[in-house]
Amino acid sequence: MENAFWSDPSIGWEQRCDMVAEAGFGGIYAVPLPITESELARVSSLGSAPGRSGLRLAGAYTCVDLAHPEESDEGRLITRLFETVVDVPRIEVSFKCTVATMKLPHPDDAIVERLEPLLKIATRRGIDVGLYPHSFYTMATPTMAERIVRRLGDPRLGLVFSTSHAYALWSEEQVLEQLREFAPRLMSFNVCGCRRDNPRPPAECRNLPLDEGDVRLAPLFGALRDGGYDGDVIVQGYGWKGDLEAMLRRSVSVARRLSLATAI
């Protein structure tokens, strides 16, 4: 889990790794957003600090805006991220379109067109790519993401499941049904305490520590185990406010109670 700290540039990467390790995590996850020249400079130093703190660097996240083509400034920065990120085994990618008037008659085609050159770079560099369904984005559901995975058929390409984005769109029961369906084929699992801003979906969902929220976690992890999932469990910290170190420790405690040996 890295989102909660990355958003505060006053906390250096080395200090960040120490804080995550001290909370009891086994790994760390980096979110260099928004992509800027300064963020790329920070990405270039990802490799050494986690190991020094006894952590594994689990992966990094980025978001591709389909309103900004590959040759745009933002598009070039995304390409450079794939070309320059160091010691990252997996990059997880969501896809959105920030121009409301921009029509995407075939969203799958638009995503594939942007994804293919990035996937080629990742494959050449030995990096996996996980498609991250993000609620209210162009690629919002696991069904759409898996459709693209199957279409491209690249062994480096896989699927991410995020509890908060699923709960933003569906009921708790439907989230569990979705996870049961996709668990055997997941590359990465992203979890947090989830609470919608409105009682009924679809509604924006807040990310909270694992001991908060409205979604019961035990059935979700049971679905992971039943599906044979043995990959990373990324604790989602985006938007956390307050005593971040205490929130991390509480989340580790919950993970241990659930016997999640793979928890990051």
C-alpha atoms as a PDB file:
ATOM      1  CA  MET A   1       0.000   0.000   0.000  1.00  0.00           C
ATOM      2  CA  GLU A   2       1.487   3.280  -0.986  1.00  0.00           C
ATOM      3  CA  ASN A   3      -1.249   5.637  -2.146  1.00  0.00           C
ATOM      4  CA  ALA A   4      -1.765   7.364   1.194  1.00  0.00           C
ATOM      5  CA  PHE A   5       1.873   8.391   1.440  1.00  0.00           C
ATOM      6  CA  TRP A   6       2.701   9.057  -2.193  1.00  0.00           C
ATOM      7  CA  SER A   7       0.200  11.906  -2.284  1.00  0.00           C
ATOM      8  CA  ASP A   8       2.313  13.743   0.311  1.00  0.00           C
ATOM      9  CA  PRO A   9       5.627  14.655  -1.388  1.00  0.00           C
ATOM     10  CA  SER A  10       6.989  15.919   1.921  1.00  0.00           C
ATOM     11  CA  ILE A  11       7.432  12.259   2.920  1.00  0.00           C
ATOM     12  CA  GLY A  12      10.412  10.910   1.007  1.00  0.00           C
ATOM     13  CA  TRP A  13      10.357   7.464  -0.579  1.00  0.00           C
ATOM     14  CA  GLU A  14      12.895   6.056   1.908  1.00  0.00           C
ATOM     15  CA  GLN A  15      10.949   7.355   4.916  1.00  0.00           C
ATOM     16  CA  ARG A  16       7.745   6.074   3.351  1.00  0.00           C
ATOM     17  CA  CYS A  17       9.197   2.574   3.028  1.00  0.00           C
ATOM     18  CA  ASP A  18      10.346   2.631   6.649  1.00  0.00           C
ATOM     19  CA  MET A  19       6.869   3.651   7.833  1.00  0.00           C
ATOM     20  CA  VAL A  20       5.139   0.921   5.832  1.00  0.00           C
ATOM     21  CA  ALA A  21       7.624  -1.703   7.058  1.00  0.00           C
ATOM     22  CA  GLU A  22       7.272  -0.586  10.678  1.00  0.00           C
ATOM     23  CA  ALA A  23       3.494  -1.020  10.397  1.00  0.00           C
ATOM     24  CA  GLY A  24       4.067  -4.699   9.599  1.00  0.00           C
ATOM     25  CA  PHE A  25       3.558  -4.843   5.831  1.00  0.00           C
ATOM     26  CA  GLY A  26       5.653  -7.097   3.619  1.00  0.00           C
ATOM     27  CA  GLY A  27       5.622  -4.917   0.527  1.00  0.00           C
ATOM     28  CA  ILE A  28       4.807  -1.539  -0.934  1.00  0.00           C
ATOM     29  CA  TYR A  29       2.882  -0.219  -3.933  1.00  0.00           C
ATOM     30  CA  ALA A  30       3.622   3.060  -5.713  1.00  0.00           C
ATOM     31  CA  VAL A  31       1.150   5.482  -7.279  1.00  0.00           C
ATOM     32  CA  PRO A  32       2.952   8.261  -9.184  1.00  0.00           C
ATOM     33  CA  LEU A  33      -0.080  10.414  -9.967  1.00  0.00           C
ATOM     34  CA  PRO A  34      -0.572  12.750 -11.627  1.00  0.00           C
ATOM     35  CA  ILE A  35       2.194  11.918 -14.101  1.00  0.00           C
ATOM     36  CA  THR A  36       4.613  14.843 -14.286  1.00  0.00           C
ATOM     37  CA  GLU A  37       8.326  15.295 -14.919  1.00  0.00           C
ATOM     38  CA  SER A  38       8.938  15.450 -11.166  1.00  0.00           C
ATOM     39  CA  GLU A  39       6.962  12.254 -10.602  1.00  0.00           C
ATOM     40  CA  LEU A  40       9.032  10.452 -13.233  1.00  0.00           C
ATOM     41  CA  ALA A  41      12.162  11.523 -11.379  1.00  0.00           C
ATOM     42  CA  ARG A  42      10.754   9.970  -8.208  1.00  0.00           C
ATOM     43  CA  VAL A  43       9.889   6.773 -10.076  1.00  0.00           C
ATOM     44  CA  SER A  44      13.522   6.381 -11.125  1.00  0.00           C
ATOM     45  CA  SER A  45      14.427   5.815  -7.466  1.00  0.00           C
ATOM     46  CA  LEU A  46      11.823   3.152  -6.704  1.00  0.00           C
ATOM     47  CA  GLY A  47      14.149   0.174  -6.731  1.00  0.00           C
ATOM     48  CA  SER A  48      16.516   0.255  -3.757  1.00  0.00           C
ATOM     49  CA  ALA A  49      14.585   1.698  -0.810  1.00  0.00           C
ATOM     50  CA  PRO A  50      11.982  -1.079  -0.330  1.00  0.00           C
ATOM     51  CA  GLY A  51      14.633  -3.790  -0.009  1.00  0.00           C
ATOM     52  CA  ARG A  52      16.607  -1.707   2.470  1.00  0.00           C
ATOM     53  CA  SER A  53      13.459  -1.521   4.617  1.00  0.00           C
ATOM     54  CA  GLY A  54      12.787  -5.239   4.242  1.00  0.00           C
ATOM     55  CA  LEU A  55       9.928  -4.711   1.770  1.00  0.00           C
ATOM     56  CA  ARG A  56       9.115  -6.033  -1.662  1.00  0.00           C
ATOM     57  CA  LEU A  57       8.076  -3.530  -4.336  1.00  0.00           C
ATOM     58  CA  ALA A  58       4.788  -5.069  -5.434  1.00  0.00           C
ATOM     59  CA  GLY A  59       3.910  -2.783  -8.319  1.00  0.00           C
ATOM     60  CA  ALA A  60       2.909   0.653  -9.528  1.00  0.00           C
ATOM     61  CA  TYR A  61      -0.309   2.218 -10.791  1.00  0.00           C
ATOM     62  CA  THR A  62      -1.025   4.684 -13.559  1.00  0.00           C
ATOM     63  CA  CYS A  63      -4.053   5.984 -15.441  1.00  0.00           C
ATOM     64  CA  VAL A  64      -4.312   6.514 -19.195  1.00  0.00           C
ATOM     65  CA  ASP A  65      -6.613   9.317 -20.316  1.00  0.00           C
ATOM     66  CA  LEU A  66      -8.013   8.448 -23.753  1.00  0.00           C
ATOM     67  CA  ALA A  67      -8.661  12.166 -24.333  1.00  0.00           C
ATOM     68  CA  HIS A  68      -4.872  12.660 -24.506  1.00  0.00           C
ATOM     69  CA  PRO A  69      -3.391  10.646 -27.401  1.00  0.00           C
ATOM     70  CA  GLU A  70      -0.094   8.830 -27.300  1.00  0.00           C
ATOM     71  CA  GLU A  71       1.729  11.748 -28.954  1.00  0.00           C
ATOM     72  CA  SER A  72       0.402  14.340 -26.442  1.00  0.00           C
ATOM     73  CA  ASP A  73       2.506  15.555 -23.519  1.00  0.00           C
ATOM     74  CA  GLU A  74       0.605  13.351 -21.071  1.00  0.00           C
ATOM     75  CA  GLY A  75       0.718  10.409 -23.455  1.00  0.00           C
ATOM     76  CA  ARG A  76       4.492  10.708 -23.788  1.00  0.00           C
ATOM     77  CA  LEU A  77       4.875  10.805 -20.007  1.00  0.00           C
ATOM     78  CA  ILE A  78       2.889   7.566 -19.678  1.00  0.00           C
ATOM     79  CA  THR A  79       5.149   5.958 -22.299  1.00  0.00           C
ATOM     80  CA  ARG A  80       8.245   7.147 -20.434  1.00  0.00           C
ATOM     81  CA  LEU A  81       6.882   5.686 -17.217  1.00  0.00           C
ATOM     82  CA  PHE A  82       6.761   2.269 -18.871  1.00  0.00           C
ATOM     83  CA  GLU A  83      10.204   2.807 -20.365  1.00  0.00           C
ATOM     84  CA  THR A  84      11.969   4.049 -17.224  1.00  0.00           C
ATOM     85  CA  VAL A  85      10.304   2.534 -14.131  1.00  0.00           C
ATOM     86  CA  VAL A  86      12.814   0.333 -12.297  1.00  0.00           C
ATOM     87  CA  ASP A  87      12.465  -2.932 -10.359  1.00  0.00           C
ATOM     88  CA  VAL A  88       8.668  -2.921 -10.660  1.00  0.00           C
ATOM     89  CA  PRO A  89       7.237  -6.372 -11.440  1.00  0.00           C
ATOM     90  CA  ARG A  90       3.793  -5.072 -12.435  1.00  0.00           C
ATOM     91  CA  ILE A  91       2.166  -1.854 -13.629  1.00  0.00           C
ATOM     92  CA  GLU A  92      -1.577  -1.620 -13.066  1.00  0.00           C
ATOM     93  CA  VAL A  93      -3.458   0.606 -15.511  1.00  0.00           C
ATOM     94  CA  SER A  94      -6.904   2.169 -15.573  1.00  0.00           C
ATOM     95  CA  PHE A  95      -8.438   3.930 -18.584  1.00  0.00           C
ATOM     96  CA  LYS A  96     -10.617   7.029 -18.525  1.00  0.00           C
ATOM     97  CA  CYS A  97     -11.701   9.823 -20.874  1.00  0.00           C
ATOM     98  CA  THR A  98     -11.863  13.308 -19.356  1.00  0.00           C
ATOM     99  CA  VAL A  99     -13.478  15.065 -22.327  1.00  0.00           C
ATOM    100  CA  ALA A 100     -17.215  14.549 -21.907  1.00  0.00           C
ATOM    101  CA  THR A 101     -17.969  15.494 -25.503  1.00  0.00           C
ATOM    102  CA  MET A 102     -15.430  13.034 -26.911  1.00  0.00           C
ATOM    103  CA  LYS A 103     -17.357  10.138 -28.382  1.00  0.00           C
ATOM    104  CA  LEU A 104     -15.890   6.633 -28.102  1.00  0.00           C
ATOM    105  CA  PRO A 105     -18.135   4.516 -30.325  1.00  0.00           C
ATOM    106  CA  HIS A 106     -15.956   1.466 -29.607  1.00  0.00           C
ATOM    107  CA  PRO A 107     -14.341   1.875 -26.165  1.00  0.00           C
ATOM    108  CA  ASP A 108     -12.657  -1.535 -26.326  1.00  0.00           C
ATOM    109  CA  ASP A 109     -10.938  -0.541 -29.570  1.00  0.00           C
ATOM    110  CA  ALA A 110      -9.791   2.784 -28.114  1.00  0.00           C
ATOM    111  CA  ILE A 111      -8.301   1.058 -25.077  1.00  0.00           C
ATOM    112  CA  VAL A 112      -6.587  -1.634 -27.134  1.00  0.00           C
ATOM    113  CA  GLU A 113      -5.058   0.993 -29.442  1.00  0.00           C
ATOM    114  CA  ARG A 114      -3.483   2.801 -26.463  1.00  0.00           C
ATOM    115  CA  LEU A 115      -2.619  -0.355 -24.569  1.00  0.00           C
ATOM    116  CA  GLU A 116      -0.794  -2.316 -27.268  1.00  0.00           C
ATOM    117  CA  PRO A 117       2.341  -0.103 -27.522  1.00  0.00           C
ATOM    118  CA  LEU A 118       2.582   0.093 -23.722  1.00  0.00           C
ATOM    119  CA  LEU A 119       2.231  -3.666 -23.458  1.00  0.00           C
ATOM    120  CA  LYS A 120       5.040  -4.144 -25.979  1.00  0.00           C
ATOM    121  CA  ILE A 121       7.336  -1.988 -23.846  1.00  0.00           C
ATOM    122  CA  ALA A 122       6.357  -3.876 -20.704  1.00  0.00           C
ATOM    123  CA  THR A 123       6.890  -7.257 -22.353  1.00  0.00           C
ATOM    124  CA  ARG A 124      10.327  -6.224 -23.599  1.00  0.00           C
ATOM    125  CA  ARG A 125      11.277  -5.094 -20.096  1.00  0.00           C
ATOM    126  CA  GLY A 126       9.809  -8.114 -18.293  1.00  0.00           C
ATOM    127  CA  ILE A 127       6.982  -6.203 -16.580  1.00  0.00           C
ATOM    128  CA  ASP A 128       3.450  -7.533 -16.144  1.00  0.00           C
ATOM    129  CA  VAL A 129       0.483  -5.260 -16.888  1.00  0.00           C
ATOM    130  CA  GLY A 130      -2.723  -5.490 -14.870  1.00  0.00           C
ATOM    131  CA  LEU A 131      -5.935  -3.919 -16.157  1.00  0.00           C
ATOM    132  CA  TYR A 132      -7.526  -2.029 -13.275  1.00  0.00           C
ATOM    133  CA  PRO A 133     -11.321  -1.553 -13.585  1.00  0.00           C
ATOM    134  CA  HIS A 134     -12.165   1.844 -12.099  1.00  0.00           C
ATOM    135  CA  SER A 135     -15.748   2.864 -11.344  1.00  0.00           C
ATOM    136  CA  PHE A 136     -17.132   5.653 -13.547  1.00  0.00           C
ATOM    137  CA  TYR A 137     -14.129   5.424 -15.908  1.00  0.00           C
ATOM    138  CA  THR A 138     -14.228   4.136 -19.475  1.00  0.00           C
ATOM    139  CA  MET A 139     -13.003   0.715 -18.305  1.00  0.00           C
ATOM    140  CA  ALA A 140     -15.254   0.374 -15.272  1.00  0.00           C
ATOM    141  CA  THR A 141     -15.942  -3.344 -14.879  1.00  0.00           C
ATOM    142  CA  PRO A 142     -13.951  -6.581 -14.610  1.00  0.00           C
ATOM    143  CA  THR A 143     -16.032  -7.978 -17.472  1.00  0.00           C
ATOM    144  CA  MET A 144     -14.786  -5.277 -19.840  1.00  0.00           C
ATOM    145  CA  ALA A 145     -11.199  -5.601 -18.619  1.00  0.00           C
ATOM    146  CA  GLU A 146     -11.200  -9.371 -19.056  1.00  0.00           C
ATOM    147  CA  ARG A 147     -12.668  -8.987 -22.531  1.00  0.00           C
ATOM    148  CA  ILE A 148      -9.616  -6.910 -23.461  1.00  0.00           C
ATOM    149  CA  VAL A 149      -7.253  -9.400 -21.792  1.00  0.00           C
ATOM    150  CA  ARG A 150      -8.717 -12.229 -23.859  1.00  0.00           C
ATOM    151  CA  ARG A 151      -8.678 -10.166 -27.033  1.00  0.00           C
ATOM    152  CA  LEU A 152      -4.962  -9.408 -26.767  1.00  0.00           C
ATOM    153  CA  GLY A 153      -3.995 -12.820 -25.420  1.00  0.00           C
ATOM    154  CA  ASP A 154      -0.652 -11.666 -24.029  1.00  0.00           C
ATOM    155  CA  PRO A 155       0.711 -13.749 -21.108  1.00  0.00           C
ATOM    156  CA  ARG A 156       2.000 -10.541 -19.492  1.00  0.00           C
ATOM    157  CA  LEU A 157      -1.516  -9.042 -19.365  1.00  0.00           C
ATOM    158  CA  GLY A 158      -3.939  -9.768 -16.550  1.00  0.00           C
ATOM    159  CA  LEU A 159      -6.844  -8.523 -14.466  1.00  0.00           C
ATOM    160  CA  VAL A 160      -7.019  -6.529 -11.223  1.00  0.00           C
ATOM    161  CA  PHE A 161     -10.031  -6.574  -8.891  1.00  0.00           C
ATOM    162  CA  SER A 162     -10.692  -3.584  -6.625  1.00  0.00           C
ATOM    163  CA  THR A 163     -13.283  -3.904  -3.857  1.00  0.00           C
ATOM    164  CA  SER A 164     -13.966  -0.168  -3.609  1.00  0.00           C
ATOM    165  CA  HIS A 165     -14.645   0.275  -7.321  1.00  0.00           C
ATOM    166  CA  ALA A 166     -16.826  -2.830  -7.410  1.00  0.00           C
ATOM    167  CA  TYR A 167     -18.820  -1.680  -4.352  1.00  0.00           C
ATOM    168  CA  ALA A 168     -19.344   1.716  -5.993  1.00  0.00           C
ATOM    169  CA  LEU A 169     -21.283  -0.043  -8.768  1.00  0.00           C
ATOM    170  CA  TRP A 170     -22.931  -3.053  -7.110  1.00  0.00           C
ATOM    171  CA  SER A 171     -24.414  -4.347  -3.872  1.00  0.00           C
ATOM    172  CA  GLU A 172     -22.236  -6.234  -1.401  1.00  0.00           C
ATOM    173  CA  GLU A 173     -23.750  -9.521  -2.601  1.00  0.00           C
ATOM    174  CA  GLN A 174     -23.039  -8.668  -6.235  1.00  0.00           C
ATOM    175  CA  VAL A 175     -19.442  -7.729  -5.398  1.00  0.00           C
ATOM    176  CA  LEU A 176     -18.979 -11.170  -3.860  1.00  0.00           C
ATOM    177  CA  GLU A 177     -20.528 -12.818  -6.921  1.00  0.00           C
ATOM    178  CA  GLN A 178     -18.191 -10.872  -9.199  1.00  0.00           C
ATOM    179  CA  LEU A 179     -15.152 -11.845  -7.141  1.00  0.00           C
ATOM    180  CA  ARG A 180     -16.145 -15.523  -7.149  1.00  0.00           C
ATOM    181  CA  GLU A 181     -16.347 -15.368 -10.926  1.00  0.00           C
ATOM    182  CA  PHE A 182     -12.990 -13.668 -11.509  1.00  0.00           C
ATOM    183  CA  ALA A 183     -10.845 -14.869  -8.566  1.00  0.00           C
ATOM    184  CA  PRO A 184      -9.279 -17.821 -10.447  1.00  0.00           C
ATOM    185  CA  ARG A 185      -7.963 -15.472 -13.149  1.00  0.00           C
ATOM    186  CA  LEU A 186      -6.826 -12.435 -11.139  1.00  0.00           C
ATOM    187  CA  MET A 187      -3.333 -10.963 -11.364  1.00  0.00           C
ATOM    188  CA  SER A 188      -3.824  -8.645  -8.361  1.00  0.00           C
ATOM    189  CA  PHE A 189      -6.406  -7.946  -5.655  1.00  0.00           C
ATOM    190  CA  ASN A 190      -6.975  -4.451  -4.234  1.00  0.00           C
ATOM    191  CA  VAL A 191      -8.897  -4.116  -0.958  1.00  0.00           C
ATOM    192  CA  CYS A 192      -9.946  -1.529   1.608  1.00  0.00           C
ATOM    193  CA  GLY A 193     -12.756  -0.720   3.942  1.00  0.00           C
ATOM    194  CA  CYS A 194     -15.524   0.473   1.584  1.00  0.00           C
ATOM    195  CA  ARG A 195     -18.297   2.974   2.206  1.00  0.00           C
ATOM    196  CA  ARG A 196     -20.497   4.551  -0.465  1.00  0.00           C
ATOM    197  CA  ASP A 197     -21.494   8.201  -0.254  1.00  0.00           C
ATOM    198  CA  ASN A 198     -25.093   7.095  -0.920  1.00  0.00           C
ATOM    199  CA  PRO A 199     -26.770   3.901   0.300  1.00  0.00           C
ATOM    200  CA  ARG A 200     -27.580   2.538  -3.140  1.00  0.00           C
ATOM    201  CA  PRO A 201     -25.216   2.008  -6.049  1.00  0.00           C
ATOM    202  CA  PRO A 202     -24.004   3.431  -8.290  1.00  0.00           C
ATOM    203  CA  ALA A 203     -22.341   5.935  -5.946  1.00  0.00           C
ATOM    204  CA  GLU A 204     -18.824   7.129  -5.223  1.00  0.00           C
ATOM    205  CA  CYS A 205     -17.100   4.893  -2.717  1.00  0.00           C
ATOM    206  CA  ARG A 206     -14.616   6.014  -0.076  1.00  0.00           C
ATOM    207  CA  ASN A 207     -11.477   4.027   0.718  1.00  0.00           C
ATOM    208  CA  LEU A 208     -11.014   3.342   4.436  1.00  0.00           C
ATOM    209  CA  PRO A 209      -8.711   1.184   6.596  1.00  0.00           C
ATOM    210  CA  LEU A 210      -9.591  -2.509   6.751  1.00  0.00           C
ATOM    211  CA  ASP A 211     -11.314  -2.187  10.144  1.00  0.00           C
ATOM    212  CA  GLU A 212     -13.813   0.353   8.794  1.00  0.00           C
ATOM    213  CA  GLY A 213     -16.418   0.341   6.043  1.00  0.00           C
ATOM    214  CA  ASP A 214     -19.637  -1.492   5.257  1.00  0.00           C
ATOM    215  CA  VAL A 215     -18.370  -4.494   3.300  1.00  0.00           C
ATOM    216  CA  ARG A 216     -17.582  -7.707   5.169  1.00  0.00           C
ATOM    217  CA  LEU A 217     -14.068  -8.777   4.232  1.00  0.00           C
ATOM    218  CA  ALA A 218     -14.087 -12.400   5.377  1.00  0.00           C
ATOM    219  CA  PRO A 219     -16.414 -13.620   2.571  1.00  0.00           C
ATOM    220  CA  LEU A 220     -14.293 -11.797  -0.022  1.00  0.00           C
ATOM    221  CA  PHE A 221     -11.117 -13.498   1.135  1.00  0.00           C
ATOM    222  CA  GLY A 222     -12.953 -16.776   1.313  1.00  0.00           C
ATOM    223  CA  ALA A 223     -13.836 -16.304  -2.357  1.00  0.00           C
ATOM    224  CA  LEU A 224     -10.165 -15.628  -3.125  1.00  0.00           C
ATOM    225  CA  ARG A 225      -9.073 -18.805  -1.358  1.00  0.00           C
ATOM    226  CA  ASP A 226     -11.830 -20.875  -2.982  1.00  0.00           C
ATOM    227  CA  GLY A 227     -10.721 -19.538  -6.367  1.00  0.00           C
ATOM    228  CA  GLY A 228      -7.114 -20.542  -5.745  1.00  0.00           C
ATOM    229  CA  TYR A 229      -5.817 -16.973  -5.736  1.00  0.00           C
ATOM    230  CA  ASP A 230      -2.245 -16.748  -4.434  1.00  0.00           C
ATOM    231  CA  GLY A 231      -1.186 -13.274  -5.625  1.00  0.00           C
ATOM    232  CA  ASP A 232      -0.731  -9.905  -3.962  1.00  0.00           C
ATOM    233  CA  VAL A 233      -3.288  -8.285  -1.684  1.00  0.00           C
ATOM    234  CA  ILE A 234      -2.851  -4.516  -2.035  1.00  0.00           C
ATOM    235  CA  VAL A 235      -4.356  -2.403   0.756  1.00  0.00           C
ATOM    236  CA  GLN A 236      -5.890   0.661  -0.903  1.00  0.00           C
ATOM    237  CA  GLY A 237      -4.994   3.836   0.974  1.00  0.00           C
ATOM    238  CA  TYR A 238      -6.006   6.547  -1.480  1.00  0.00           C
ATOM    239  CA  GLY A 239      -7.802   9.359   0.319  1.00  0.00           C
ATOM    240  CA  TRP A 240      -6.951   8.285   3.860  1.00  0.00           C
ATOM    241  CA  LYS A 241      -6.805  11.212   6.273  1.00  0.00           C
ATOM    242  CA  GLY A 242      -5.448  11.326   9.803  1.00  0.00           C
ATOM    243  CA  ASP A 243      -2.881   9.138  11.535  1.00  0.00           C
ATOM    244  CA  LEU A 244      -1.722   7.124   8.522  1.00  0.00           C
ATOM    245  CA  GLU A 245       0.717   5.003  10.496  1.00  0.00           C
ATOM    246  CA  ALA A 246      -2.019   3.949  12.933  1.00  0.00           C
ATOM    247  CA  MET A 247      -4.355   3.179  10.027  1.00  0.00           C
ATOM    248  CA  LEU A 248      -1.696   0.970   8.479  1.00  0.00           C
ATOM    249  CA  ARG A 249      -1.124  -0.912  11.725  1.00  0.00           C
ATOM    250  CA  ARG A 250      -4.849  -1.478  12.160  1.00  0.00           C
ATOM    251  CA  SER A 251      -5.114  -2.817   8.623  1.00  0.00           C
ATOM    252  CA  VAL A 252      -2.233  -5.225   9.194  1.00  0.00           C
ATOM    253  CA  SER A 253      -3.974  -6.468  12.346  1.00  0.00           C
ATOM    254  CA  VAL A 254      -7.153  -7.172  10.367  1.00  0.00           C
ATOM    255  CA  ALA A 255      -5.173  -8.927   7.642  1.00  0.00           C
ATOM    256  CA  ARG A 256      -3.484 -11.154  10.189  1.00  0.00           C
ATOM    257  CA  ARG A 257      -6.815 -12.097  11.750  1.00  0.00           C
ATOM    258  CA  LEU A 258      -7.979 -13.136   8.311  1.00  0.00           C
ATOM    259  CA  SER A 259      -4.764 -15.183   7.907  1.00  0.00           C
ATOM    260  CA  LEU A 260      -3.787 -13.423   4.685  1.00  0.00           C
ATOM    261  CA  ALA A 261      -0.258 -14.598   4.250  1.00  0.00           C
ATOM    262  CA  THR A 262      -0.005 -12.766   0.904  1.00  0.00           C
ATOM    263  CA  ALA A 263      -1.073  -9.371   2.258  1.00  0.00           C
ATOM    264  CA  ILE A 264       1.112  -6.475   1.107  1.00  0.00           C
END
